Amino acid sequence: MRFAINGIRRHRSEAVLEIDEEPPEERVQAGTAYVIRQLKRPEEVHLLRKVYGKQFVLISAYGSSEDRKRTIEKALRRTLPLDRPDHEIGALAEELIHRDQHEEVDDHGQHLRDTFHLADVFIDGISAGNMKSMVSRFIDAFFGRADIAPTRWEYGMYAAKSASLRSSDLSRQVGAAIFTSEGELISQGCNEVPKAFGGTYWDGDEQDYRDVKLGHDPNDLIKKEVVRDLLERLLRGGMLSESAIQIGGAAAIVDAFTKGAAAGAPAGYGCLDGAAVMELTEYGRVVHAEMGAICDAARLGRALKGSVLFCTTFPCHNCTKHLLSAGISRVIYMEPYPKSKAKELHEHEIEIEKTSNTRVSFLPFLGISPVRYRDIFQKGKRKKEGAALSWMAGAPRPLIDIAAITYVDLEAFEIRKLDAKLKKIDPASSEI
């Protein structure tokens, strides 16, 4: 991504040279936007936000798995031999999709799955008409059009995101918010440890037994106990290899197998890192965000039948069966959760990425992201001398405050880091 930053700097300098000005490394071009076609790693997003701040806008274009596969198959047919069988083209399309989502074998590979949800706005990436209208709405909102306010979905997801920030869970912050079909808030929840007599612990409670206060996550400890129990049984049964036995007792073997293997580690080390047994969440003390919202509604006597649940992360299989039982009719999520077995366990009860009248629909969020919600929707007076304003600043102007032009210095800093890395690889290389 530093190459892209360098390309932006180079383009800016060339544009100035064309009008016979001094070639300025730090000259800013007003009214100019640079488009980077695709980002596939979260580190790329974090770097661009670090350099450009809120001037950087990430747009994630969504298409269902079926639509993505169909689009890629069409592109492949234009380039592959005409006699290539359909099933081979389909398999190749699925392979490309899987590689883009999460390239496990390459530390520097593509990880779109971990990048997509970081967007400032989510749009329809399949329908050209929807794409155009959603991009136009975001640009108008970003430039301060006075009549644009949150949609039900944007309001719902912001409520879920704000709830997530209350969580002190050691693994991740997840939030959920349940609304009526008309948009009234019923309850909110986050992943946090439940307390006696209802609800979850708050920071500042006199009795505070959150995991963050106790200093450990019991789920991680018990998962290792499960693996150790299995290994001890295999050890007693003489079913472990000699190389495994040489590591030491069962506890030592567990550590060797479950921790990420360092470079040059003996064969077998780290073999259980990422295994299904290590992905179990059953032994955590926290109540999940969705369950927290459902339990709060039940405790307060608020009906959930026909309601809509907004969740920052796709529900796990345990939460899915409870939200089904509670009568929730639709789920809107933002971040994927690959560990969830909801699709496999409830294929007759839920419909993912499609609207359904006979099943509970799980739909990806589309709209302005919670990360931009306050920037765009927090507005002051929208009138002047009694007349409604069309634009908050009187004319289109980005709703971001830039105290000083610092990104040019940050660009130069990142380019120097890139140059240093290249020189480590090839000391003879010239500066970029």
Protein backbone atom coordinates (compact mmCIF):
# COMPACT_ATOMS: atom_id res chain seq x y z
CA MET A 1 0.00 0.00 0.00
CA ARG A 2 2.97 2.32 0.45
CA PHE A 3 3.50 1.99 -3.31
CA ALA A 4 -0.01 3.42 -3.78
CA ILE A 5 0.83 6.31 -1.44
CA ASN A 6 3.99 6.95 -3.44
CA GLY A 7 1.92 6.89 -6.63
CA ILE A 8 -0.41 9.56 -5.22
CA ARG A 9 2.56 11.78 -4.35
CA ARG A 10 4.06 11.28 -7.79
CA HIS A 11 0.78 12.09 -9.52
CA ARG A 12 0.42 15.24 -7.43
CA SER A 13 3.91 16.41 -8.37
CA GLU A 14 3.36 15.67 -12.07
CA ALA A 15 0.10 17.61 -12.05
CA VAL A 16 1.92 20.65 -10.69
CA LEU A 17 4.75 20.29 -13.23
CA GLU A 18 2.21 20.43 -16.05
CA ILE A 19 1.32 23.99 -15.08
CA ASP A 20 4.99 25.00 -14.85
CA GLU A 21 5.10 25.45 -11.11
CA GLU A 22 7.93 24.48 -8.84
CA PRO A 23 7.77 20.66 -8.31
CA PRO A 24 6.51 20.67 -4.72
CA GLU A 25 6.69 17.50 -2.66
CA GLU A 26 4.19 18.97 -0.25
CA ARG A 27 1.80 20.94 -2.46
CA VAL A 28 -1.84 20.00 -1.89
CA GLN A 29 -4.25 19.74 -4.81
CA ALA A 30 -7.67 21.03 -3.85
CA GLY A 31 -10.77 19.40 -5.31
CA THR A 32 -8.96 16.17 -6.17
CA ALA A 33 -9.82 12.59 -5.22
CA TYR A 34 -7.61 9.54 -5.74
CA VAL A 35 -9.27 6.17 -6.23
CA ILE A 36 -7.57 2.94 -5.17
CA ARG A 37 -9.51 0.15 -6.85
CA GLN A 38 -9.38 -2.52 -4.17
CA LEU A 39 -8.04 -3.27 -0.71
CA LYS A 40 -7.81 -6.85 0.51
CA ARG A 41 -5.96 -6.63 3.82
CA PRO A 42 -6.99 -4.80 7.01
CA GLU A 43 -3.43 -3.50 7.38
CA GLU A 44 -3.91 -1.55 4.14
CA VAL A 45 -7.01 0.14 5.53
CA HIS A 46 -5.31 0.95 8.84
CA LEU A 47 -2.32 2.47 7.03
CA LEU A 48 -4.45 4.69 4.79
CA ARG A 49 -6.50 5.86 7.77
CA LYS A 50 -3.29 6.55 9.69
CA VAL A 51 -1.95 8.71 6.84
CA TYR A 52 -5.09 10.43 5.54
CA GLY A 53 -7.40 10.30 8.55
CA LYS A 54 -11.04 11.04 7.77
CA GLN A 55 -10.11 12.21 4.29
CA PHE A 56 -9.76 8.53 3.43
CA VAL A 57 -13.10 6.91 2.58
CA LEU A 58 -13.49 3.15 2.20
CA ILE A 59 -16.44 1.92 0.13
CA SER A 60 -17.33 -1.77 0.38
CA ALA A 61 -19.44 -3.10 -2.51
CA TYR A 62 -21.55 -6.08 -1.48
CA GLY A 63 -22.74 -8.97 -3.61
CA SER A 64 -24.20 -12.26 -2.42
CA SER A 65 -22.05 -15.37 -2.73
CA GLU A 66 -24.21 -16.51 -5.65
CA ASP A 67 -23.91 -13.15 -7.42
CA ARG A 68 -20.14 -13.02 -6.89
CA LYS A 69 -19.68 -16.52 -8.27
CA ARG A 70 -21.86 -15.78 -11.28
CA THR A 71 -19.96 -12.55 -12.03
CA ILE A 72 -16.57 -14.27 -11.82
CA GLU A 73 -17.76 -17.16 -14.00
CA LYS A 74 -18.79 -14.68 -16.71
CA ALA A 75 -15.37 -13.04 -16.57
CA LEU A 76 -13.59 -16.42 -16.74
CA ARG A 77 -15.61 -17.50 -19.77
CA ARG A 78 -14.37 -14.45 -21.65
CA THR A 79 -10.74 -15.48 -21.12
CA LEU A 80 -10.73 -19.31 -20.95
CA PRO A 81 -11.04 -21.70 -23.93
CA LEU A 82 -14.63 -22.15 -25.12
CA ASP A 83 -14.54 -25.90 -24.51
CA ARG A 84 -13.79 -25.50 -20.77
CA PRO A 85 -16.58 -27.38 -18.88
CA ASP A 86 -18.99 -25.38 -16.72
CA HIS A 87 -18.16 -27.35 -13.58
CA GLU A 88 -14.45 -26.51 -13.95
CA ILE A 89 -15.22 -22.83 -14.39
CA GLY A 90 -17.48 -22.95 -11.34
CA ALA A 91 -14.78 -24.65 -9.27
CA LEU A 92 -12.20 -22.07 -10.38
CA ALA A 93 -14.57 -19.23 -9.46
CA GLU A 94 -15.10 -20.70 -5.98
CA GLU A 95 -11.34 -21.10 -5.56
CA LEU A 96 -10.77 -17.43 -6.42
CA ILE A 97 -13.51 -16.32 -4.01
CA HIS A 98 -12.08 -18.45 -1.21
CA ARG A 99 -8.56 -17.14 -1.83
CA ASP A 100 -9.75 -13.54 -1.76
CA GLN A 101 -11.64 -14.11 1.48
CA HIS A 102 -8.84 -15.64 3.51
CA GLU A 103 -5.53 -16.82 2.10
CA GLU A 104 -4.40 -18.97 5.03
CA VAL A 105 -1.18 -20.36 3.54
CA ASP A 106 0.37 -16.94 2.89
CA ASP A 107 1.03 -14.46 5.70
CA HIS A 108 1.08 -11.72 3.07
CA GLY A 109 -1.96 -13.03 1.19
CA GLN A 110 -5.44 -11.65 0.72
CA HIS A 111 -7.83 -11.32 3.66
CA LEU A 112 -10.94 -9.65 2.27
CA ARG A 113 -13.04 -11.30 4.99
CA ASP A 114 -11.23 -9.22 7.63
CA THR A 115 -11.24 -6.05 5.52
CA PHE A 116 -14.73 -5.66 4.08
CA HIS A 117 -16.49 -4.65 7.32
CA LEU A 118 -14.07 -1.76 7.98
CA ALA A 119 -15.85 0.38 5.38
CA ASP A 120 -17.23 3.89 5.79
CA VAL A 121 -20.19 2.95 3.61
CA PHE A 122 -21.59 -0.33 2.31
CA ILE A 123 -23.26 -0.34 -1.11
CA ASP A 124 -24.89 -2.78 -3.52
CA GLY A 125 -22.08 -4.03 -5.76
CA ILE A 126 -24.25 -5.92 -8.26
CA SER A 127 -27.11 -3.66 -9.36
CA ALA A 128 -25.71 -0.67 -11.28
CA GLY A 129 -28.79 1.40 -10.46
CA ASN A 130 -28.62 0.71 -6.73
CA MET A 131 -24.87 1.25 -6.74
CA LYS A 132 -25.21 4.67 -8.36
CA SER A 133 -27.99 5.85 -6.04
CA MET A 134 -26.20 4.63 -2.89
CA VAL A 135 -22.89 6.22 -3.86
CA SER A 136 -24.66 9.47 -4.78
CA ARG A 137 -26.47 9.53 -1.44
CA PHE A 138 -23.24 8.97 0.48
CA ILE A 139 -21.38 11.68 -1.45
CA ASP A 140 -24.23 14.14 -0.92
CA ALA A 141 -24.32 13.25 2.79
CA PHE A 142 -20.53 13.50 3.05
CA PHE A 143 -20.65 16.97 1.48
CA GLY A 144 -23.33 18.17 3.86
CA ARG A 145 -26.69 17.90 2.11
CA ALA A 146 -29.10 19.07 4.78
CA ASP A 147 -32.07 16.79 4.06
CA ILE A 148 -30.20 13.47 4.45
CA ALA A 149 -30.86 11.70 7.75
CA PRO A 150 -30.22 8.11 8.91
CA THR A 151 -32.22 5.24 7.47
CA ARG A 152 -33.73 2.65 9.82
CA TRP A 153 -30.81 0.35 9.05
CA GLU A 154 -28.19 3.02 9.72
CA TYR A 155 -29.87 4.00 12.98
CA GLY A 156 -30.17 0.35 14.01
CA MET A 157 -26.57 -0.54 13.30
CA TYR A 158 -25.32 2.58 15.07
CA ALA A 159 -27.32 1.52 18.14
CA ALA A 160 -25.71 -1.92 17.95
CA LYS A 161 -22.24 -0.43 17.53
CA SER A 162 -22.69 1.98 20.44
CA ALA A 163 -23.80 -0.95 22.61
CA SER A 164 -20.65 -2.87 21.66
CA LEU A 165 -18.44 -0.13 23.10
CA ARG A 166 -19.77 -0.96 26.58
CA SER A 167 -18.17 -4.41 26.39
CA SER A 168 -14.88 -5.14 28.17
CA ASP A 169 -14.61 -8.67 26.76
CA LEU A 170 -11.03 -9.87 26.39
CA SER A 171 -11.54 -11.13 22.81
CA ARG A 172 -13.72 -8.65 20.95
CA GLN A 173 -16.49 -6.08 21.34
CA VAL A 174 -19.86 -7.10 19.89
CA GLY A 175 -23.11 -5.18 20.11
CA ALA A 176 -26.75 -5.90 19.32
CA ALA A 177 -29.90 -3.81 19.19
CA ILE A 178 -33.46 -5.07 18.70
CA PHE A 179 -36.10 -2.86 17.10
CA THR A 180 -39.75 -3.16 16.19
CA SER A 181 -40.52 -3.39 12.48
CA GLU A 182 -41.37 0.33 12.61
CA GLY A 183 -38.01 1.32 14.07
CA GLU A 184 -38.64 1.70 17.82
CA LEU A 185 -35.84 0.46 20.07
CA ILE A 186 -36.75 -2.55 22.24
CA SER A 187 -33.43 -3.50 23.85
CA GLN A 188 -29.65 -3.49 23.43
CA GLY A 189 -26.91 -5.88 24.46
CA CYS A 190 -23.18 -6.41 24.39
CA ASN A 191 -20.92 -9.34 25.13
CA GLU A 192 -20.29 -9.02 28.85
CA VAL A 193 -20.32 -11.16 32.01
CA PRO A 194 -23.83 -11.51 33.53
CA LYS A 195 -24.39 -10.63 37.16
CA ALA A 196 -26.76 -12.01 39.78
CA PHE A 197 -30.44 -11.05 39.46
CA GLY A 198 -30.23 -9.81 35.88
CA GLY A 199 -28.21 -7.77 33.46
CA THR A 200 -24.45 -7.61 33.10
CA TYR A 201 -21.69 -5.90 35.05
CA TRP A 202 -21.03 -2.21 34.49
CA ASP A 203 -17.75 -0.45 35.00
CA GLY A 204 -17.97 1.20 38.40
CA ASP A 205 -20.15 -1.49 40.02
CA GLU A 206 -19.19 -2.12 43.65
CA GLN A 207 -19.14 -5.86 42.93
CA ASP A 208 -17.21 -6.20 39.67
CA TYR A 209 -16.29 -9.70 38.50
CA ARG A 210 -15.76 -9.11 34.81
CA ASP A 211 -13.07 -11.20 33.09
CA VAL A 212 -11.00 -8.07 32.59
CA LYS A 213 -10.95 -7.62 36.39
CA LEU A 214 -10.29 -11.30 37.18
CA GLY A 215 -7.44 -11.25 34.69
CA HIS A 216 -8.19 -14.25 32.49
CA ASP A 217 -10.65 -15.81 30.04
CA PRO A 218 -11.80 -19.21 31.38
CA ASN A 219 -12.79 -20.30 27.87
CA ASP A 220 -9.14 -20.43 26.80
CA LEU A 221 -8.15 -22.37 29.92
CA ILE A 222 -10.94 -24.94 29.65
CA LYS A 223 -10.34 -25.53 25.93
CA LYS A 224 -6.80 -26.56 26.78
CA GLU A 225 -8.14 -28.82 29.53
CA VAL A 226 -10.35 -30.52 26.93
CA VAL A 227 -7.34 -31.11 24.68
CA ARG A 228 -5.25 -32.29 27.63
CA ASP A 229 -7.96 -34.78 28.65
CA LEU A 230 -7.91 -36.23 25.13
CA LEU A 231 -4.11 -36.42 25.01
CA GLU A 232 -3.91 -38.06 28.44
CA ARG A 233 -6.34 -40.75 27.28
CA LEU A 234 -4.33 -41.29 24.08
CA LEU A 235 -1.12 -41.39 26.11
CA ARG A 236 -2.52 -44.03 28.48
CA GLY A 237 -3.76 -46.01 25.50
CA GLY A 238 -0.35 -45.94 23.83
CA MET A 239 -1.73 -44.05 20.83
CA LEU A 240 0.68 -41.10 20.80
CA SER A 241 3.76 -41.09 18.60
CA GLU A 242 7.24 -41.29 20.11
CA SER A 243 8.02 -37.75 18.94
CA ALA A 244 4.97 -36.43 20.82
CA ILE A 245 5.89 -38.33 23.99
CA GLN A 246 9.40 -36.86 23.89
CA ILE A 247 7.94 -33.36 24.26
CA GLY A 248 7.01 -34.18 27.86
CA GLY A 249 3.81 -34.68 29.83
CA ALA A 250 0.32 -33.99 28.53
CA ALA A 251 0.44 -30.33 29.59
CA ALA A 252 3.69 -29.76 27.68
CA ILE A 253 2.26 -31.49 24.61
CA VAL A 254 -0.85 -29.29 24.77
CA ASP A 255 1.30 -26.15 24.81
CA ALA A 256 3.40 -27.40 21.90
CA PHE A 257 0.37 -28.36 19.82
CA THR A 258 -1.89 -25.37 20.49
CA LYS A 259 0.50 -22.42 20.34
CA GLY A 260 1.40 -20.95 16.98
CA ALA A 261 4.58 -22.63 15.78
CA ALA A 262 7.62 -20.40 15.42
CA ALA A 263 9.83 -20.64 12.37
CA GLY A 264 12.04 -23.72 12.57
CA ALA A 265 9.90 -25.44 15.21
CA PRO A 266 9.87 -29.27 15.18
CA ALA A 267 7.27 -31.05 13.06
CA GLY A 268 3.87 -31.17 14.75
CA TYR A 269 4.33 -28.02 16.82
CA GLY A 270 1.33 -25.74 16.39
CA CYS A 271 -0.69 -28.50 14.68
CA LEU A 272 -3.83 -27.66 16.70
CA ASP A 273 -3.53 -23.90 16.25
CA GLY A 274 -6.81 -22.91 14.58
CA ALA A 275 -8.34 -26.39 14.96
CA ALA A 276 -12.11 -26.61 15.50
CA VAL A 277 -11.68 -27.59 19.15
CA MET A 278 -9.71 -24.39 19.74
CA GLU A 279 -12.57 -22.33 18.28
CA LEU A 280 -15.09 -23.42 20.94
CA THR A 281 -16.84 -20.60 22.80
CA GLU A 282 -18.96 -22.76 25.14
CA TYR A 283 -16.86 -22.13 28.22
CA GLY A 284 -16.83 -18.35 28.23
CA ARG A 285 -18.55 -16.49 31.08
CA VAL A 286 -19.79 -13.64 28.90
CA VAL A 287 -23.33 -13.58 27.59
CA HIS A 288 -23.24 -12.83 23.86
CA ALA A 289 -24.60 -9.50 22.64
CA GLU A 290 -27.66 -11.01 20.94
CA MET A 291 -28.50 -13.08 24.01
CA GLY A 292 -27.98 -10.06 26.25
CA ALA A 293 -30.51 -8.06 24.22
CA ILE A 294 -32.99 -10.98 24.19
CA CYS A 295 -32.65 -11.57 27.95
CA ASP A 296 -33.03 -7.86 28.74
CA ALA A 297 -36.23 -7.75 26.68
CA ALA A 298 -37.58 -10.82 28.52
CA ARG A 299 -36.63 -9.40 31.93
CA LEU A 300 -38.35 -6.12 31.12
CA GLY A 301 -41.44 -7.75 29.59
CA ARG A 302 -40.93 -6.54 26.02
CA ALA A 303 -42.23 -8.76 23.22
CA LEU A 304 -39.85 -9.66 20.40
CA LYS A 305 -42.17 -11.39 17.94
CA GLY A 306 -41.69 -9.87 14.48
CA SER A 307 -38.76 -7.70 15.61
CA VAL A 308 -35.51 -6.89 13.79
CA LEU A 309 -32.10 -7.56 15.34
CA PHE A 310 -29.07 -5.48 14.34
CA CYS A 311 -25.73 -7.02 15.26
CA THR A 312 -22.20 -5.82 14.61
CA THR A 313 -21.13 -9.44 13.98
CA PHE A 314 -22.91 -12.38 12.34
CA PRO A 315 -24.59 -14.42 15.12
CA CYS A 316 -23.02 -17.64 16.36
CA HIS A 317 -25.04 -20.86 16.19
CA ASN A 318 -25.98 -20.68 19.88
CA CYS A 319 -27.41 -17.18 19.56
CA THR A 320 -29.14 -18.15 16.32
CA LYS A 321 -31.27 -20.87 17.93
CA HIS A 322 -32.33 -18.49 20.69
CA LEU A 323 -33.22 -15.60 18.39
CA LEU A 324 -35.27 -18.05 16.34
CA SER A 325 -37.12 -19.17 19.46
CA ALA A 326 -37.65 -15.56 20.57
CA GLY A 327 -39.58 -14.74 17.39
CA ILE A 328 -37.13 -12.31 15.78
CA SER A 329 -38.02 -12.05 12.09
CA ARG A 330 -34.92 -10.49 10.56
CA VAL A 331 -31.21 -10.14 11.39
CA ILE A 332 -28.96 -7.41 9.97
CA TYR A 333 -25.22 -7.96 10.49
CA MET A 334 -22.04 -6.12 9.53
CA GLU A 335 -18.98 -8.28 10.27
CA PRO A 336 -18.74 -11.96 9.26
CA TYR A 337 -18.13 -14.67 11.85
CA PRO A 338 -16.58 -17.74 10.19
CA LYS A 339 -16.84 -19.83 13.38
CA SER A 340 -20.65 -19.72 13.27
CA LYS A 341 -22.38 -22.98 12.32
CA ALA A 342 -25.77 -21.27 12.04
CA LYS A 343 -26.14 -22.08 8.34
CA GLU A 344 -25.32 -25.77 8.78
CA LEU A 345 -27.50 -26.26 11.87
CA HIS A 346 -30.52 -24.18 10.82
CA GLU A 347 -30.73 -24.45 7.04
CA HIS A 348 -34.52 -24.94 7.26
CA GLU A 349 -35.11 -21.98 9.57
CA ILE A 350 -32.84 -19.19 8.27
CA GLU A 351 -32.10 -17.67 4.87
CA ILE A 352 -28.71 -15.98 4.50
CA GLU A 353 -28.28 -13.07 2.06
CA LYS A 354 -31.90 -13.32 0.88
CA THR A 355 -35.25 -11.98 2.02
CA SER A 356 -37.70 -14.74 2.93
CA ASN A 357 -41.32 -14.94 4.09
CA THR A 358 -40.97 -18.46 5.48
CA ARG A 359 -37.55 -18.24 7.15
CA VAL A 360 -35.68 -15.70 9.25
CA SER A 361 -33.60 -13.55 6.91
CA PHE A 362 -29.95 -12.86 7.75
CA LEU A 363 -28.98 -9.84 5.65
CA PRO A 364 -25.69 -7.93 5.38
CA PHE A 365 -25.81 -4.27 6.36
CA LEU A 366 -26.00 -1.67 3.59
CA GLY A 367 -25.68 2.04 4.25
CA ILE A 368 -23.43 4.54 6.02
CA SER A 369 -21.27 2.76 8.58
CA PRO A 370 -21.38 3.54 12.31
CA VAL A 371 -17.77 4.79 12.03
CA ARG A 372 -19.06 7.74 9.95
CA TYR A 373 -22.44 8.14 11.62
CA ARG A 374 -21.65 11.11 13.86
CA ASP A 375 -19.48 12.84 11.25
CA ILE A 376 -22.30 12.85 8.73
CA PHE A 377 -25.52 12.99 10.74
CA GLN A 378 -24.57 15.30 13.61
CA LYS A 379 -25.74 18.61 12.17
CA GLY A 380 -26.66 21.99 13.57
CA LYS A 381 -29.31 24.45 12.44
CA ARG A 382 -30.55 23.68 8.92
CA LYS A 383 -32.22 26.97 8.14
CA LYS A 384 -31.30 30.57 7.43
CA GLU A 385 -33.83 33.34 8.00
CA GLY A 386 -36.54 30.70 8.20
CA ALA A 387 -35.69 29.04 4.88
CA ALA A 388 -34.37 25.47 4.83
CA LEU A 389 -30.76 25.07 3.76
CA SER A 390 -29.90 22.72 0.91
CA TRP A 391 -26.32 22.33 2.13
CA MET A 392 -25.06 22.75 5.69
CA ALA A 393 -22.22 25.09 4.67
CA GLY A 394 -24.32 26.90 2.06
CA ALA A 395 -22.60 24.88 -0.66
CA PRO A 396 -21.26 21.31 -0.94
CA ARG A 397 -18.35 20.92 1.48
CA PRO A 398 -16.95 17.77 3.15
CA LEU A 399 -18.17 17.31 6.72
CA ILE A 400 -14.68 16.81 8.13
CA ASP A 401 -12.44 19.19 10.02
CA ILE A 402 -8.78 19.30 8.99
CA ALA A 403 -6.79 21.32 11.50
CA ALA A 404 -3.63 21.19 9.38
CA ILE A 405 -2.41 19.47 6.24
CA THR A 406 -0.37 16.73 7.89
CA TYR A 407 -0.91 13.85 5.51
CA VAL A 408 1.84 15.01 3.16
CA ASP A 409 4.36 14.57 5.99
CA LEU A 410 2.90 11.18 6.87
CA GLU A 411 3.12 10.16 3.21
CA ALA A 412 6.81 11.03 3.15
CA PHE A 413 7.38 9.11 6.40
CA GLU A 414 5.72 5.95 5.03
CA ILE A 415 7.67 6.21 1.76
CA ARG A 416 10.92 6.41 3.71
CA LYS A 417 9.90 3.24 5.59
CA LEU A 418 9.16 1.51 2.27
CA ASP A 419 12.51 2.59 0.86
CA ALA A 420 14.31 1.21 3.93
CA LYS A 421 12.53 -2.14 3.55
CA LEU A 422 13.43 -2.33 -0.14
CA LYS A 423 17.07 -1.61 0.64
CA LYS A 424 17.10 -4.50 3.13
CA ILE A 425 15.91 -6.78 0.35
CA ASP A 426 18.23 -5.30 -2.27
CA PRO A 427 20.92 -2.90 -0.98
CA ALA A 428 21.67 -1.85 -4.57
CA SER A 429 18.12 -0.60 -5.20
CA SER A 430 17.67 3.09 -5.87
CA GLU A 431 15.28 5.25 -3.92
CA ILE A 432 11.68 5.13 -5.11
